[in-house]
Each structure stands twice: as structure tokens, then as C-alpha cells.
Amino acid sequence: MATRIQLDFPVLSDLAFRTRPGRVAGQGWFGWIRAVAARWHQRRVLEQLDERSLRDIGISRSQALAEARKPCWRR
């Protein structure tokens, strides 16, 4: 049985990822914390993808691991 994994990469372009904490219009610290939590989750999923899935999204295992090892507060 195949495992279905949903990645939400469009959230990476979200305003919360491009601004400093507290600078997201109308969201403040809560928006920043939500963005950090989403980033953490996406990096854990990225770390667990198999070679076929990585090829589908166009990145190598080393690129995936480099991204997964970054702290969740870093973009």
C-alpha cells in the first residue's frame, strides 16, 4: 500500500516567511509562530521522502537533507 504524503510548498512563499517576527500585517507573533511550525513540519516530511518522490520534486537527497537540517526559524 502506498503512503500518501501531502506537501504544502506554496506556503514557503507566504508573507510570514519573508518578513521579521511581528511584521506580518495583522498577524504579529502568532503568524510568525504559525509559519515556523509549518516550516518545521515541511522539513520533517522532506527528510522522510524516498528517492522517487525527491526526483518528482526535482531535488537531490543531499539538498533535501541540507534543508531538513536547518533550524525551523531560518528560512
PDB file of N, CA and C in Angstrom:
ATOM      1  N   MET A   1       0.842  -1.171   0.000  1.00  0.00           N
ATOM      2  CA  MET A   1       0.000   0.000   0.000  1.00  0.00           C
ATOM      3  C   MET A   1       0.893   1.242   0.000  1.00  0.00           C
ATOM      4  N   ALA A   2       0.615   2.153  -0.882  1.00  0.00           N
ATOM      5  CA  ALA A   2       1.414   3.371  -0.992  1.00  0.00           C
ATOM      6  C   ALA A   2       0.986   4.377   0.069  1.00  0.00           C
ATOM      7  N   THR A   3       1.965   5.060   0.615  1.00  0.00           N
ATOM      8  CA  THR A   3       1.696   6.103   1.591  1.00  0.00           C
ATOM      9  C   THR A   3       1.518   7.423   0.865  1.00  0.00           C
ATOM     10  N   ARG A   4       0.496   8.130   1.193  1.00  0.00           N
ATOM     11  CA  ARG A   4       0.229   9.409   0.548  1.00  0.00           C
ATOM     12  C   ARG A   4       0.780  10.524   1.417  1.00  0.00           C
ATOM     13  N   ILE A   5       1.643  11.347   0.842  1.00  0.00           N
ATOM     14  CA  ILE A   5       2.248  12.457   1.562  1.00  0.00           C
ATOM     15  C   ILE A   5       1.842  13.752   0.874  1.00  0.00           C
ATOM     16  N   GLN A   6       1.337  14.669   1.651  1.00  0.00           N
ATOM     17  CA  GLN A   6       0.947  15.956   1.089  1.00  0.00           C
ATOM     18  C   GLN A   6       1.955  17.003   1.530  1.00  0.00           C
ATOM     19  N   LEU A   7       2.555  17.672   0.551  1.00  0.00           N
ATOM     20  CA  LEU A   7       3.495  18.746   0.837  1.00  0.00           C
ATOM     21  C   LEU A   7       2.844  20.062   0.469  1.00  0.00           C
ATOM     22  N   ASP A   8       3.003  21.032   1.310  1.00  0.00           N
ATOM     23  CA  ASP A   8       2.393  22.327   1.079  1.00  0.00           C
ATOM     24  C   ASP A   8       3.484  23.356   0.808  1.00  0.00           C
ATOM     25  N   PHE A   9       4.214  23.203  -0.304  1.00  0.00           N
ATOM     26  CA  PHE A   9       5.297  24.108  -0.604  1.00  0.00           C
ATOM     27  C   PHE A   9       4.865  25.534  -0.934  1.00  0.00           C
ATOM     28  N   PRO A  10       3.632  25.774  -1.443  1.00  0.00           N
ATOM     29  CA  PRO A  10       3.255  27.171  -1.687  1.00  0.00           C
ATOM     30  C   PRO A  10       3.317  28.034  -0.430  1.00  0.00           C
ATOM     31  N   VAL A  11       3.200  27.426   0.747  1.00  0.00           N
ATOM     32  CA  VAL A  11       3.284  28.211   1.971  1.00  0.00           C
ATOM     33  C   VAL A  11       4.678  28.826   2.144  1.00  0.00           C
ATOM     34  N   LEU A  12       5.690  28.280   1.465  1.00  0.00           N
ATOM     35  CA  LEU A  12       7.036  28.836   1.557  1.00  0.00           C
ATOM     36  C   LEU A  12       7.121  30.246   0.996  1.00  0.00           C
ATOM     37  N   SER A  13       6.193  30.608   0.124  1.00  0.00           N
ATOM     38  CA  SER A  13       6.200  31.961  -0.410  1.00  0.00           C
ATOM     39  C   SER A  13       5.310  32.894   0.406  1.00  0.00           C
ATOM     40  N   ASP A  14       4.737  32.379   1.463  1.00  0.00           N
ATOM     41  CA  ASP A  14       3.861  33.168   2.328  1.00  0.00           C
ATOM     42  C   ASP A  14       4.606  34.375   2.895  1.00  0.00           C
ATOM     43  N   LEU A  15       3.898  35.438   3.107  1.00  0.00           N
ATOM     44  CA  LEU A  15       4.484  36.667   3.630  1.00  0.00           C
ATOM     45  C   LEU A  15       5.210  36.438   4.942  1.00  0.00           C
ATOM     46  N   ALA A  16       4.731  35.490   5.747  1.00  0.00           N
ATOM     47  CA  ALA A  16       5.354  35.224   7.044  1.00  0.00           C
ATOM     48  C   ALA A  16       6.781  34.704   6.910  1.00  0.00           C
ATOM     49  N   PHE A  17       7.118  34.115   5.785  1.00  0.00           N
ATOM     50  CA  PHE A  17       8.460  33.589   5.586  1.00  0.00           C
ATOM     51  C   PHE A  17       9.426  34.659   5.090  1.00  0.00           C
ATOM     52  N   ARG A  18       8.906  35.796   4.664  1.00  0.00           N
ATOM     53  CA  ARG A  18       9.764  36.818   4.079  1.00  0.00           C
ATOM     54  C   ARG A  18       9.923  38.047   4.975  1.00  0.00           C
ATOM     55  N   THR A  19       9.333  38.034   6.124  1.00  0.00           N
ATOM     56  CA  THR A  19       9.401  39.196   6.996  1.00  0.00           C
ATOM     57  C   THR A  19       9.915  38.807   8.369  1.00  0.00           C
ATOM     58  N   ARG A  20      10.257  39.805   9.150  1.00  0.00           N
ATOM     59  CA  ARG A  20      10.728  39.552  10.509  1.00  0.00           C
ATOM     60  C   ARG A  20       9.549  39.239  11.424  1.00  0.00           C
ATOM     61  N   PRO A  21       9.811  38.613  12.574  1.00  0.00           N
ATOM     62  CA  PRO A  21       8.731  38.343  13.525  1.00  0.00           C
ATOM     63  C   PRO A  21       8.010  39.625  13.908  1.00  0.00           C
ATOM     64  N   GLY A  22       6.705  39.539  13.974  1.00  0.00           N
ATOM     65  CA  GLY A  22       5.917  40.691  14.376  1.00  0.00           C
ATOM     66  C   GLY A  22       5.640  41.660  13.238  1.00  0.00           C
ATOM     67  N   ARG A  23       6.153  41.412  12.039  1.00  0.00           N
ATOM     68  CA  ARG A  23       5.982  42.331  10.921  1.00  0.00           C
ATOM     69  C   ARG A  23       4.961  41.834   9.902  1.00  0.00           C
ATOM     70  N   VAL A  24       4.330  40.701  10.133  1.00  0.00           N
ATOM     71  CA  VAL A  24       3.302  40.211   9.234  1.00  0.00           C
ATOM     72  C   VAL A  24       2.047  41.026   9.491  1.00  0.00           C
ATOM     73  N   ALA A  25       1.545  41.662   8.467  1.00  0.00           N
ATOM     74  CA  ALA A  25       0.401  42.559   8.615  1.00  0.00           C
ATOM     75  C   ALA A  25      -0.784  41.836   9.244  1.00  0.00           C
ATOM     76  N   GLY A  26      -1.213  42.310  10.388  1.00  0.00           N
ATOM     77  CA  GLY A  26      -2.382  41.762  11.054  1.00  0.00           C
ATOM     78  C   GLY A  26      -2.183  40.434  11.756  1.00  0.00           C
ATOM     79  N   GLN A  27      -0.979  39.885  11.774  1.00  0.00           N
ATOM     80  CA  GLN A  27      -0.784  38.586  12.392  1.00  0.00           C
ATOM     81  C   GLN A  27       0.190  38.610  13.561  1.00  0.00           C
ATOM     82  N   GLY A  28       1.153  39.483  13.540  1.00  0.00           N
ATOM     83  CA  GLY A  28       2.097  39.600  14.638  1.00  0.00           C
ATOM     84  C   GLY A  28       2.857  38.326  14.928  1.00  0.00           C
ATOM     85  N   TRP A  29       3.130  38.103  16.202  1.00  0.00           N
ATOM     86  CA  TRP A  29       3.911  36.947  16.628  1.00  0.00           C
ATOM     87  C   TRP A  29       3.203  35.638  16.339  1.00  0.00           C
ATOM     88  N   PHE A  30       1.876  35.645  16.428  1.00  0.00           N
ATOM     89  CA  PHE A  30       1.142  34.415  16.158  1.00  0.00           C
ATOM     90  C   PHE A  30       1.375  33.949  14.723  1.00  0.00           C
ATOM     91  N   GLY A  31       1.379  34.846  13.783  1.00  0.00           N
ATOM     92  CA  GLY A  31       1.647  34.498  12.387  1.00  0.00           C
ATOM     93  C   GLY A  31       3.050  33.953  12.206  1.00  0.00           C
ATOM     94  N   TRP A  32       4.002  34.542  12.898  1.00  0.00           N
ATOM     95  CA  TRP A  32       5.384  34.070  12.803  1.00  0.00           C
ATOM     96  C   TRP A  32       5.522  32.668  13.389  1.00  0.00           C
ATOM     97  N   ILE A  33       4.887  32.433  14.533  1.00  0.00           N
ATOM     98  CA  ILE A  33       4.938  31.111  15.168  1.00  0.00           C
ATOM     99  C   ILE A  33       4.272  30.070  14.276  1.00  0.00           C
ATOM    100  N   ARG A  34       3.155  30.430  13.670  1.00  0.00           N
ATOM    101  CA  ARG A  34       2.478  29.508  12.758  1.00  0.00           C
ATOM    102  C   ARG A  34       3.364  29.176  11.559  1.00  0.00           C
ATOM    103  N   ALA A  35       4.060  30.169  11.028  1.00  0.00           N
ATOM    104  CA  ALA A  35       4.963  29.950   9.896  1.00  0.00           C
ATOM    105  C   ALA A  35       6.128  29.045  10.289  1.00  0.00           C
ATOM    106  N   VAL A  36       6.685  29.251  11.478  1.00  0.00           N
ATOM    107  CA  VAL A  36       7.795  28.417  11.959  1.00  0.00           C
ATOM    108  C   VAL A  36       7.321  26.977  12.141  1.00  0.00           C
ATOM    109  N   ALA A  37       6.134  26.789  12.677  1.00  0.00           N
ATOM    110  CA  ALA A  37       5.601  25.438  12.868  1.00  0.00           C
ATOM    111  C   ALA A  37       5.385  24.744  11.518  1.00  0.00           C
ATOM    112  N   ALA A  38       4.884  25.467  10.544  1.00  0.00           N
ATOM    113  CA  ALA A  38       4.680  24.903   9.205  1.00  0.00           C
ATOM    114  C   ALA A  38       6.014  24.530   8.573  1.00  0.00           C
ATOM    115  N   ARG A  39       7.004  25.384   8.743  1.00  0.00           N
ATOM    116  CA  ARG A  39       8.334  25.117   8.196  1.00  0.00           C
ATOM    117  C   ARG A  39       8.931  23.864   8.839  1.00  0.00           C
ATOM    118  N   TRP A  40       8.774  23.729  10.156  1.00  0.00           N
ATOM    119  CA  TRP A  40       9.290  22.552  10.866  1.00  0.00           C
ATOM    120  C   TRP A  40       8.648  21.281  10.313  1.00  0.00           C
ATOM    121  N   HIS A  41       7.334  21.309  10.158  1.00  0.00           N
ATOM    122  CA  HIS A  41       6.619  20.136   9.665  1.00  0.00           C
ATOM    123  C   HIS A  41       7.064  19.785   8.243  1.00  0.00           C
ATOM    124  N   GLN A  42       7.169  20.756   7.378  1.00  0.00           N
ATOM    125  CA  GLN A  42       7.566  20.502   5.999  1.00  0.00           C
ATOM    126  C   GLN A  42       8.976  19.933   5.916  1.00  0.00           C
ATOM    127  N   ARG A  43       9.861  20.396   6.760  1.00  0.00           N
ATOM    128  CA  ARG A  43      11.226  19.874   6.743  1.00  0.00           C
ATOM    129  C   ARG A  43      11.288  18.446   7.251  1.00  0.00           C
ATOM    130  N   ARG A  44      10.449  18.076   8.219  1.00  0.00           N
ATOM    131  CA  ARG A  44      10.412  16.685   8.683  1.00  0.00           C
ATOM    132  C   ARG A  44       9.891  15.775   7.577  1.00  0.00           C
ATOM    133  N   VAL A  45       8.863  16.218   6.858  1.00  0.00           N
ATOM    134  CA  VAL A  45       8.323  15.421   5.759  1.00  0.00           C
ATOM    135  C   VAL A  45       9.356  15.304   4.649  1.00  0.00           C
ATOM    136  N   LEU A  46      10.017  16.392   4.311  1.00  0.00           N
ATOM    137  CA  LEU A  46      11.041  16.391   3.270  1.00  0.00           C
ATOM    138  C   LEU A  46      12.157  15.407   3.597  1.00  0.00           C
ATOM    139  N   GLU A  47      12.525  15.341   4.860  1.00  0.00           N
ATOM    140  CA  GLU A  47      13.580  14.443   5.321  1.00  0.00           C
ATOM    141  C   GLU A  47      13.212  12.968   5.108  1.00  0.00           C
ATOM    142  N   GLN A  48      11.925  12.656   5.112  1.00  0.00           N
ATOM    143  CA  GLN A  48      11.466  11.272   5.031  1.00  0.00           C
ATOM    144  C   GLN A  48      11.092  10.819   3.626  1.00  0.00           C
ATOM    145  N   LEU A  49      11.158  11.698   2.638  1.00  0.00           N
ATOM    146  CA  LEU A  49      10.775  11.327   1.283  1.00  0.00           C
ATOM    147  C   LEU A  49      11.748  10.311   0.688  1.00  0.00           C
ATOM    148  N   ASP A  50      11.218   9.424  -0.125  1.00  0.00           N
ATOM    149  CA  ASP A  50      12.075   8.457  -0.810  1.00  0.00           C
ATOM    150  C   ASP A  50      12.670   9.082  -2.080  1.00  0.00           C
ATOM    151  N   GLU A  51      13.581   8.337  -2.706  1.00  0.00           N
ATOM    152  CA  GLU A  51      14.293   8.855  -3.884  1.00  0.00           C
ATOM    153  C   GLU A  51      13.345   9.211  -5.024  1.00  0.00           C
ATOM    154  N   ARG A  52      12.317   8.410  -5.226  1.00  0.00           N
ATOM    155  CA  ARG A  52      11.367   8.673  -6.308  1.00  0.00           C
ATOM    156  C   ARG A  52      10.634   9.996  -6.077  1.00  0.00           C
ATOM    157  N   SER A  53      10.199  10.224  -4.862  1.00  0.00           N
ATOM    158  CA  SER A  53       9.490  11.462  -4.546  1.00  0.00           C
ATOM    159  C   SER A  53      10.405  12.673  -4.689  1.00  0.00           C
ATOM    160  N   LEU A  54      11.649  12.522  -4.279  1.00  0.00           N
ATOM    161  CA  LEU A  54      12.604  13.625  -4.427  1.00  0.00           C
ATOM    162  C   LEU A  54      12.837  13.944  -5.897  1.00  0.00           C
ATOM    163  N   ARG A  55      12.945  12.913  -6.736  1.00  0.00           N
ATOM    164  CA  ARG A  55      13.088  13.141  -8.176  1.00  0.00           C
ATOM    165  C   ARG A  55      11.871  13.870  -8.724  1.00  0.00           C
ATOM    166  N   ASP A  56      10.680  13.518  -8.239  1.00  0.00           N
ATOM    167  CA  ASP A  56       9.446  14.167  -8.699  1.00  0.00           C
ATOM    168  C   ASP A  56       9.445  15.665  -8.422  1.00  0.00           C
ATOM    169  N   ILE A  57       9.996  16.062  -7.282  1.00  0.00           N
ATOM    170  CA  ILE A  57      10.018  17.497  -6.967  1.00  0.00           C
ATOM    171  C   ILE A  57      11.303  18.175  -7.416  1.00  0.00           C
ATOM    172  N   GLY A  58      12.226  17.387  -7.977  1.00  0.00           N
ATOM    173  CA  GLY A  58      13.406  17.960  -8.607  1.00  0.00           C
ATOM    174  C   GLY A  58      14.552  18.332  -7.694  1.00  0.00           C
ATOM    175  N   ILE A  59      14.700  17.625  -6.568  1.00  0.00           N
ATOM    176  CA  ILE A  59      15.840  17.894  -5.693  1.00  0.00           C
ATOM    177  C   ILE A  59      16.554  16.595  -5.357  1.00  0.00           C
ATOM    178  N   SER A  60      17.804  16.705  -4.982  1.00  0.00           N
ATOM    179  CA  SER A  60      18.594  15.527  -4.629  1.00  0.00           C
ATOM    180  C   SER A  60      18.452  15.228  -3.131  1.00  0.00           C
ATOM    181  N   ARG A  61      18.913  14.054  -2.728  1.00  0.00           N
ATOM    182  CA  ARG A  61      18.881  13.672  -1.316  1.00  0.00           C
ATOM    183  C   ARG A  61      19.712  14.646  -0.480  1.00  0.00           C
ATOM    184  N   SER A  62      20.872  15.052  -1.000  1.00  0.00           N
ATOM    185  CA  SER A  62      21.727  15.970  -0.238  1.00  0.00           C
ATOM    186  C   SER A  62      21.060  17.336  -0.068  1.00  0.00           C
ATOM    187  N   GLN A  63      20.356  17.802  -1.091  1.00  0.00           N
ATOM    188  CA  GLN A  63      19.630  19.073  -0.962  1.00  0.00           C
ATOM    189  C   GLN A  63      18.503  18.948   0.061  1.00  0.00           C
ATOM    190  N   ALA A  64      17.796  17.824   0.034  1.00  0.00           N
ATOM    191  CA  ALA A  64      16.700  17.604   0.981  1.00  0.00           C
ATOM    192  C   ALA A  64      17.225  17.559   2.410  1.00  0.00           C
ATOM    193  N   LEU A  65      18.329  16.862   2.613  1.00  0.00           N
ATOM    194  CA  LEU A  65      18.892  16.768   3.968  1.00  0.00           C
ATOM    195  C   LEU A  65      19.442  18.100   4.442  1.00  0.00           C
ATOM    196  N   ALA A  66      20.037  18.872   3.537  1.00  0.00           N
ATOM    197  CA  ALA A  66      20.546  20.197   3.910  1.00  0.00           C
ATOM    198  C   ALA A  66      19.392  21.098   4.357  1.00  0.00           C
ATOM    199  N   GLU A  67      18.283  21.036   3.651  1.00  0.00           N
ATOM    200  CA  GLU A  67      17.116  21.835   4.023  1.00  0.00           C
ATOM    201  C   GLU A  67      16.517  21.329   5.336  1.00  0.00           C
ATOM    202  N   ALA A  68      16.447  20.027   5.505  1.00  0.00           N
ATOM    203  CA  ALA A  68      15.849  19.443   6.705  1.00  0.00           C
ATOM    204  C   ALA A  68      16.677  19.742   7.960  1.00  0.00           C
ATOM    205  N   ARG A  69      17.968  19.924   7.802  1.00  0.00           N
ATOM    206  CA  ARG A  69      18.828  20.183   8.963  1.00  0.00           C
ATOM    207  C   ARG A  69      18.818  21.634   9.424  1.00  0.00           C
ATOM    208  N   LYS A  70      18.254  22.524   8.626  1.00  0.00           N
ATOM    209  CA  LYS A  70      18.203  23.931   9.019  1.00  0.00           C
ATOM    210  C   LYS A  70      17.240  24.105  10.197  1.00  0.00           C
ATOM    211  N   PRO A  71      17.536  25.006  11.109  1.00  0.00           N
ATOM    212  CA  PRO A  71      16.606  25.271  12.215  1.00  0.00           C
ATOM    213  C   PRO A  71      15.281  25.816  11.656  1.00  0.00           C
ATOM    214  N   CYS A  72      14.196  25.513  12.326  1.00  0.00           N
ATOM    215  CA  CYS A  72      12.875  25.892  11.812  1.00  0.00           C
ATOM    216  C   CYS A  72      12.681  27.406  11.757  1.00  0.00           C
ATOM    217  N   TRP A  73      13.415  28.184  12.489  1.00  0.00           N
ATOM    218  CA  TRP A  73      13.240  29.640  12.451  1.00  0.00           C
ATOM    219  C   TRP A  73      14.017  30.283  11.309  1.00  0.00           C
ATOM    220  N   ARG A  74      14.889  29.507  10.641  1.00  0.00           N
ATOM    221  CA  ARG A  74      15.616  30.020   9.475  1.00  0.00           C
ATOM    222  C   ARG A  74      14.857  29.724   8.217  1.00  0.00           C
ATOM    223  N   ARG A  75      14.848  30.678   7.296  1.00  0.00           N
ATOM    224  CA  ARG A  75      14.169  30.466   6.019  1.00  0.00           C
ATOM    225  C   ARG A  75      15.023  29.695   5.088  1.00  0.00           C
TER     226      ARG A  75
END
